[in-house]
Amino acid sequence: MLELLSPADQGVWLASLHAAPHGVRRMSRQFPGVVETSDNLGMVALTASGGSCNFMVRSLLDSASMALADEVVSLFALSGTVAVKAGHYPGWAPNPDSRLLSLCQAAYRREFGSDSRVQVIHAGLECGIIGAKYLGLDIVSFGPTIRGAHAPGEAVEIESVGRCWQLLRAILAAVE
């Protein structure tokens, strides 16, 4: 016989998941048009005896990601569901006055004969992790053109990989 989660427990899970925050929580005040803080529901696993789910919380600011994670934990606690915070991703607030950024822009201009486009995006997980371990480290991020990131059909523009390699070599030569 197939065992199911009780109707009452199903109701608690559905209500909690429905009430939980999903998506953009706050836009950046420092970088107009850029998401500062967001979360999304990841995996949900329900069995006859209970369930689990995870939320991916990220922000340019550590304090904002922690506050949103606390909100999710509190919401589930109200329903009597045990919730645990784990796997925090440090924030990374870009520095528009970065000396390394200026060096990268100059290298780009020399290599490609035009100005680079500086863009702040709601990503940079690795930069946040490294920056949290090496406080004060000047960090930039650049990479190839990727379409449909983290989804079926994700693709990289091969030509842009070569340009990134060329730029990286030029940056390294400039800092020697």
Protein backbone atom coordinates (compact mmCIF):
# COMPACT_ATOMS: atom_id res chain seq x y z
CA MET A 1 0.00 0.00 0.00
CA LEU A 2 1.26 3.47 -0.91
CA GLU A 3 2.02 5.62 2.14
CA LEU A 4 1.24 9.31 1.86
CA LEU A 5 1.92 12.38 3.93
CA SER A 6 -1.18 13.04 6.03
CA PRO A 7 -3.62 15.64 4.65
CA ALA A 8 -2.86 17.91 7.63
CA ASP A 9 0.90 17.70 7.02
CA GLN A 10 0.35 18.24 3.29
CA GLY A 11 -1.55 21.41 4.17
CA VAL A 12 1.26 22.66 6.40
CA TRP A 13 3.87 22.05 3.68
CA LEU A 14 1.79 23.63 0.93
CA ALA A 15 0.92 26.68 3.05
CA SER A 16 4.53 27.13 4.18
CA LEU A 17 5.91 26.84 0.65
CA HIS A 18 3.25 29.22 -0.62
CA ALA A 19 4.01 31.79 2.10
CA ALA A 20 7.80 31.56 1.78
CA PRO A 21 9.55 34.39 -0.06
CA HIS A 22 10.67 33.58 -3.60
CA GLY A 23 12.44 35.77 -6.11
CA VAL A 24 13.77 39.30 -5.85
CA ARG A 25 13.60 40.70 -2.34
CA ARG A 26 15.45 43.97 -2.89
CA MET A 27 17.10 45.90 -5.69
CA SER A 28 20.48 47.53 -5.11
CA ARG A 29 20.49 51.21 -4.17
CA GLN A 30 24.16 51.54 -5.13
CA PHE A 31 23.81 49.86 -8.55
CA PRO A 32 20.44 50.78 -10.14
CA GLY A 33 18.77 47.94 -12.01
CA VAL A 34 20.79 45.25 -10.19
CA VAL A 35 19.22 42.71 -7.84
CA GLU A 36 20.76 43.01 -4.37
CA THR A 37 19.00 40.20 -2.53
CA SER A 38 16.93 37.25 -3.71
CA ASP A 39 16.10 33.65 -3.02
CA ASN A 40 14.63 30.74 -4.86
CA LEU A 41 13.14 27.43 -3.86
CA GLY A 42 15.32 24.52 -4.89
CA MET A 43 14.58 20.87 -4.26
CA VAL A 44 11.48 19.74 -2.37
CA ALA A 45 11.31 16.15 -1.16
CA LEU A 46 8.21 14.87 0.60
CA THR A 47 7.70 11.39 2.02
CA ALA A 48 5.01 9.80 4.17
CA SER A 49 7.04 10.65 7.28
CA GLY A 50 7.97 14.25 6.46
CA GLY A 51 9.92 16.32 4.02
CA SER A 52 12.69 18.71 3.24
CA CYS A 53 13.33 21.61 0.94
CA ASN A 54 16.07 24.11 0.31
CA PHE A 55 16.16 27.76 -0.54
CA MET A 56 19.10 29.39 -2.32
CA VAL A 57 19.52 32.81 -0.67
CA ARG A 58 22.02 35.26 -2.16
CA SER A 59 22.84 38.92 -1.84
CA LEU A 60 25.55 41.47 -2.50
CA LEU A 61 25.43 42.07 1.27
CA ASP A 62 25.97 39.37 3.91
CA SER A 63 23.59 41.07 6.34
CA ALA A 64 20.76 41.01 3.79
CA SER A 65 21.23 37.33 2.90
CA MET A 66 21.32 36.38 6.59
CA ALA A 67 18.16 38.39 7.29
CA LEU A 68 16.30 36.69 4.44
CA ALA A 69 17.50 33.24 5.52
CA ASP A 70 16.32 34.02 9.06
CA GLU A 71 12.92 34.99 7.64
CA VAL A 72 12.58 31.64 5.82
CA VAL A 73 13.63 29.71 8.96
CA SER A 74 11.14 31.68 11.08
CA LEU A 75 8.31 31.04 8.65
CA PHE A 76 8.83 27.29 8.75
CA ALA A 77 9.26 27.36 12.55
CA LEU A 78 5.77 28.91 12.84
CA SER A 79 4.37 25.77 11.21
CA GLY A 80 6.29 23.54 13.61
CA THR A 81 8.72 22.51 10.90
CA VAL A 82 12.38 22.24 11.79
CA ALA A 83 14.47 24.53 9.60
CA VAL A 84 18.25 24.85 9.51
CA LYS A 85 20.49 27.46 7.89
CA ALA A 86 23.46 25.91 6.11
CA GLY A 87 25.79 26.61 3.22
CA HIS A 88 25.93 30.41 3.46
CA TYR A 89 27.36 32.11 0.39
CA PRO A 90 29.24 35.31 1.26
CA GLY A 91 28.13 38.47 -0.48
CA TRP A 92 30.34 40.39 -2.87
CA ALA A 93 29.69 44.09 -3.28
CA PRO A 94 31.68 45.27 -6.33
CA ASN A 95 34.10 48.17 -5.94
CA PRO A 96 33.75 50.65 -8.84
CA ASP A 97 36.98 52.38 -7.66
CA SER A 98 39.00 49.15 -7.86
CA ARG A 99 42.59 49.55 -9.10
CA LEU A 100 42.40 46.05 -10.55
CA LEU A 101 39.26 46.99 -12.48
CA SER A 102 41.07 49.99 -13.98
CA LEU A 103 43.98 47.75 -14.96
CA CYS A 104 41.57 45.25 -16.58
CA GLN A 105 39.79 48.02 -18.48
CA ALA A 106 43.11 49.33 -19.82
CA ALA A 107 44.17 45.83 -20.87
CA TYR A 108 40.83 45.32 -22.65
CA ARG A 109 41.20 48.64 -24.47
CA ARG A 110 44.73 47.70 -25.63
CA GLU A 111 43.71 44.21 -26.75
CA PHE A 112 40.40 44.96 -28.45
CA GLY A 113 40.55 48.65 -29.37
CA SER A 114 37.37 49.61 -27.54
CA ASP A 115 36.10 50.17 -24.02
CA SER A 116 34.90 47.20 -22.01
CA ARG A 117 31.42 47.09 -20.58
CA VAL A 118 31.42 46.94 -16.79
CA GLN A 119 28.33 45.24 -15.50
CA VAL A 120 27.23 44.36 -11.98
CA ILE A 121 25.16 41.19 -11.89
CA HIS A 122 23.48 39.13 -9.20
CA ALA A 123 26.14 36.42 -9.17
CA GLY A 124 29.80 36.27 -8.21
CA LEU A 125 29.58 33.35 -5.81
CA GLU A 126 33.26 32.47 -6.15
CA CYS A 127 34.32 36.10 -5.70
CA GLY A 128 32.32 36.27 -2.47
CA ILE A 129 33.87 33.07 -1.13
CA ILE A 130 37.43 34.16 -1.96
CA GLY A 131 36.84 37.72 -0.75
CA ALA A 132 35.52 36.45 2.60
CA LYS A 133 38.73 34.48 3.14
CA TYR A 134 41.09 37.27 2.02
CA LEU A 135 39.62 40.49 3.38
CA GLY A 136 40.53 43.58 1.38
CA LEU A 137 41.53 41.59 -1.71
CA ASP A 138 40.84 43.53 -4.91
CA ILE A 139 38.61 41.29 -7.05
CA VAL A 140 37.08 41.47 -10.51
CA SER A 141 35.16 38.87 -12.43
CA PHE A 142 34.93 38.36 -16.17
CA GLY A 143 34.04 35.48 -18.38
CA PRO A 144 32.71 34.27 -21.69
CA THR A 145 29.22 34.94 -22.97
CA ILE A 146 26.88 32.28 -21.61
CA ARG A 147 23.28 31.90 -22.69
CA GLY A 148 20.65 30.15 -20.57
CA ALA A 149 22.93 29.68 -17.55
CA HIS A 150 21.99 26.89 -15.15
CA ALA A 151 19.18 25.64 -17.40
CA PRO A 152 18.74 22.95 -20.02
CA GLY A 153 20.26 24.20 -23.23
CA GLU A 154 22.94 26.28 -21.48
CA ALA A 155 25.50 27.30 -24.09
CA VAL A 156 28.74 29.22 -24.25
CA GLU A 157 29.74 31.44 -27.15
CA ILE A 158 33.00 29.74 -28.19
CA GLU A 159 34.49 32.89 -29.70
CA SER A 160 34.08 34.69 -26.38
CA VAL A 161 36.16 32.01 -24.63
CA GLY A 162 39.12 32.92 -26.84
CA ARG A 163 38.64 36.63 -26.08
CA CYS A 164 38.61 35.89 -22.34
CA TRP A 165 41.84 33.90 -22.63
CA GLN A 166 43.44 36.75 -24.58
CA LEU A 167 42.29 39.27 -21.96
CA LEU A 168 43.51 37.15 -19.05
CA ARG A 169 46.95 36.86 -20.62
CA ALA A 170 47.05 40.65 -21.17
CA ILE A 171 46.01 41.34 -17.56
CA LEU A 172 48.64 38.98 -16.18
CA ALA A 173 51.30 40.59 -18.36
CA ALA A 174 50.27 44.03 -17.07
CA VAL A 175 50.67 43.03 -13.40
CA GLU A 176 54.08 41.38 -13.79
